[in-house]
Every structure is written in C-alpha cells, then in structure tokens.
Protein backbone atom coordinates (compact mmCIF):
# COMPACT_ATOMS: atom_id res chain seq x y z
CA MET A 1 17.11 7.33 -38.59
CA LYS A 2 17.00 10.18 -40.78
CA ASN A 3 13.13 10.67 -41.23
CA TRP A 4 12.97 11.09 -37.39
CA ASN A 5 11.60 14.09 -35.84
CA LYS A 6 12.26 15.02 -32.21
CA THR A 7 9.25 12.82 -30.36
CA GLY A 8 10.95 10.25 -32.13
CA LYS A 9 14.47 10.56 -31.46
CA ILE A 10 12.97 11.14 -27.96
CA LYS A 11 11.43 7.96 -27.62
CA ALA A 12 14.71 6.02 -29.18
CA VAL A 13 16.46 7.51 -26.20
CA ILE A 14 13.76 6.53 -23.82
CA LEU A 15 14.06 2.87 -24.75
CA GLY A 16 17.79 3.14 -24.92
CA LEU A 17 17.76 3.89 -21.24
CA LEU A 18 15.07 1.68 -20.21
CA ALA A 19 16.88 -1.58 -21.96
CA LEU A 20 20.23 -0.55 -20.06
CA PRO A 21 19.49 -1.79 -16.57
CA ASN A 22 18.16 -4.85 -18.33
CA LEU A 23 21.67 -5.88 -20.02
CA LEU A 24 23.82 -4.25 -17.36
CA ILE A 25 21.88 -6.23 -14.49
CA PRO A 26 19.98 -8.79 -15.61
CA ILE A 27 17.53 -10.64 -13.75
CA GLY A 28 18.44 -14.05 -13.01
CA ALA A 29 14.90 -15.86 -13.75
CA THR A 30 15.19 -19.15 -14.87
CA GLY A 31 13.12 -21.78 -14.04
CA LYS A 32 10.25 -24.24 -15.77
CA PHE A 33 9.51 -23.43 -19.04
CA GLU A 34 5.64 -23.91 -20.26
CA LEU A 35 4.62 -22.68 -23.71
CA VAL A 36 1.45 -21.36 -22.21
CA MET A 37 2.82 -18.41 -20.30
CA ILE A 38 4.82 -17.28 -23.63
CA LEU A 39 1.63 -17.94 -25.85
CA MET A 40 -1.26 -16.08 -23.36
CA PRO A 41 0.52 -12.64 -23.96
CA LEU A 42 0.73 -13.05 -27.63
CA PHE A 43 -2.61 -14.08 -27.51
CA PHE A 44 -4.37 -11.16 -25.27
CA GLY A 45 -2.56 -8.57 -26.73
CA SER A 46 -3.65 -9.70 -30.09
CA ILE A 47 -7.19 -9.38 -28.84
CA ALA A 48 -6.93 -6.82 -26.34
CA ILE A 49 -5.70 -4.07 -28.87
CA PRO A 50 -8.38 -4.45 -31.52
CA LEU A 51 -10.82 -4.43 -29.05
CA ILE A 52 -9.87 -1.25 -26.77
CA ALA A 53 -9.52 0.04 -30.41
CA LYS A 54 -12.35 -0.20 -31.59
CA PHE A 55 -13.92 0.78 -28.15
CA ASN A 56 -12.13 3.99 -28.60
CA GLY A 57 -13.13 4.56 -32.31
CA ALA A 58 -16.87 3.94 -32.10
CA VAL A 59 -17.68 5.05 -28.51
CA LEU A 60 -15.30 7.94 -27.72
CA GLY A 61 -14.66 8.96 -31.31
CA ARG A 62 -11.27 8.82 -31.79
CA GLU A 63 -9.02 8.44 -35.12
CA ILE A 64 -8.41 4.61 -35.70
CA ILE A 65 -4.92 5.35 -38.22
CA LYS A 66 -1.83 3.65 -38.94
CA PRO A 67 0.70 4.97 -36.23
CA THR A 68 4.10 6.20 -37.01
CA TRP A 69 7.08 5.92 -34.96
CA ASN A 70 7.10 9.89 -34.65
CA ASP A 71 3.85 10.11 -33.20
CA ASN A 72 3.42 11.21 -29.80
CA PRO A 73 2.36 8.21 -27.55
CA LEU A 74 0.41 10.84 -25.41
CA MET A 75 -2.16 12.04 -27.94
CA LEU A 76 -5.44 11.03 -26.59
CA TYR A 77 -7.11 10.91 -30.06
CA ARG A 78 -4.67 8.19 -31.52
CA PRO A 79 -5.11 5.45 -29.05
CA LEU A 80 -2.94 3.25 -31.71
CA SER A 81 0.16 5.56 -31.22
CA PHE A 82 0.43 4.53 -27.34
CA PHE A 83 0.00 1.18 -27.65
CA HIS A 84 2.54 1.06 -30.63
CA PHE A 85 5.11 2.97 -28.21
CA GLY A 86 3.99 0.15 -25.81
CA ALA A 87 4.46 -2.65 -27.81
CA PHE A 88 8.38 -1.58 -29.08
CA PHE A 89 8.99 -0.61 -25.15
CA PHE A 90 7.62 -4.64 -24.10
CA ILE A 91 9.57 -6.10 -27.08
CA THR A 92 12.78 -3.87 -26.30
CA VAL A 93 12.95 -4.42 -22.97
CA GLY A 94 12.74 -7.87 -23.67
CA LEU A 95 15.55 -8.79 -26.23
CA SER A 96 17.52 -6.39 -23.21
CA LEU A 97 16.57 -8.82 -20.42
CA LEU A 98 17.09 -11.68 -22.91
CA LEU A 99 20.47 -10.70 -24.05
CA GLY A 100 21.54 -9.50 -20.38
CA SER A 101 21.01 -13.00 -18.94
CA ALA A 102 22.82 -14.52 -21.79
CA ILE A 103 25.65 -12.44 -21.62
CA LYS A 104 25.77 -12.59 -17.47
CA PHE A 105 24.51 -16.22 -16.82
CA GLN A 106 24.83 -17.84 -19.89
CA THR A 107 20.95 -18.71 -20.23
CA LEU A 108 18.03 -18.19 -21.39
CA SER A 109 15.66 -15.81 -19.14
CA PHE A 110 12.44 -17.24 -19.46
CA PHE A 111 10.88 -14.09 -17.81
CA ALA A 112 11.49 -12.16 -20.96
CA LEU A 113 10.04 -14.48 -23.36
CA PRO A 114 6.87 -13.59 -22.42
CA VAL A 115 7.67 -9.99 -22.56
CA ILE A 116 8.49 -10.20 -25.83
CA SER A 117 5.57 -12.33 -26.53
CA PHE A 118 3.51 -9.77 -25.32
CA GLY A 119 5.05 -7.05 -27.57
CA LEU A 120 4.58 -8.94 -30.93
CA GLY A 121 0.84 -9.75 -29.87
CA ILE A 122 0.42 -5.69 -29.14
CA LEU A 123 1.77 -5.12 -33.06
CA ILE A 124 -0.63 -8.36 -34.35
CA GLY A 125 -3.03 -6.52 -32.63
CA ILE A 126 -2.40 -3.09 -34.05
CA TRP A 127 -2.12 -4.71 -37.45
CA LEU A 128 -5.46 -6.77 -36.85
CA THR A 129 -7.31 -3.33 -36.01
CA LEU A 130 -6.24 -1.95 -39.05
CA LYS A 131 -7.23 -4.93 -41.05
CA TRP A 132 -10.50 -4.60 -39.10
CA THR A 133 -10.96 -0.73 -39.70
CA LYS A 134 -9.87 -0.93 -43.12
CA SER A 135 -7.44 1.89 -42.10
CA ILE A 136 -3.69 0.60 -43.86
C-alpha cells in the first residue's frame, strides 16, 4: 500500500465502496449447485481475454504490457489495465457477497461463486496473454 499512487488509492476506495452493500445487504441466492455454472466463467475469462488482447495489440496497435495496480484502467492504449481492474472488481464483489450471505443467512451464496470464478478467469487470461505475447 505504501507504493500506491493516487490512482491505486482511488481504485481501492471504489472497490471498498462497491463491496460494502454486499456485506450489509447480501442477496440470499441459494439454489441448485452446478459445477458448470462455476467453471464456465473461469473458462470464458481465460480464453476471451487473450483473444481480445491479441486483437487489441495486433489490429489496433495497443500496448500489451503487464498491468500494475497503479495503472489507470481507463487508458485505452493499455487494455490489460482495464481487465486487471475488472478482475479485482469481480473478485471483491464475489467475496463480499459470499461473506455477507454467510454472516446474514448462515449459508453459501451460489451466486457469488461464478462471480469469483470470472474474476479468477480474467486474471488467468491476463497471465496467458502475457505468456502468449512474451511480455512477462
């Protein structure tokens, strides 16, 4: 945290504010648990991000470099910064929903698991993109 710039601190505050409603008023979504509902967002994020980034780099000429927390996610010439913030958004919202439903309803919210899975899939997709473009 001591190495964060102004952008990194703003992003942390935004994620904290977006996680707060899920902690205080979680969605009581319980239901039938299917593993496909969790694995499909993981698979989609892992495959879609390298394809989108490759298109952005090859066709549109945008930079494919390793994102950091201090990067502005709205910079159009670095598409991985946007996906990086999006991944942390999904993971934060999913974990806060999981924790909020565990506290309020004493049960596991199956709606939160695909959200977390999609965030992890995006992070895997970023890693695969950097491996694919040899930008690590």
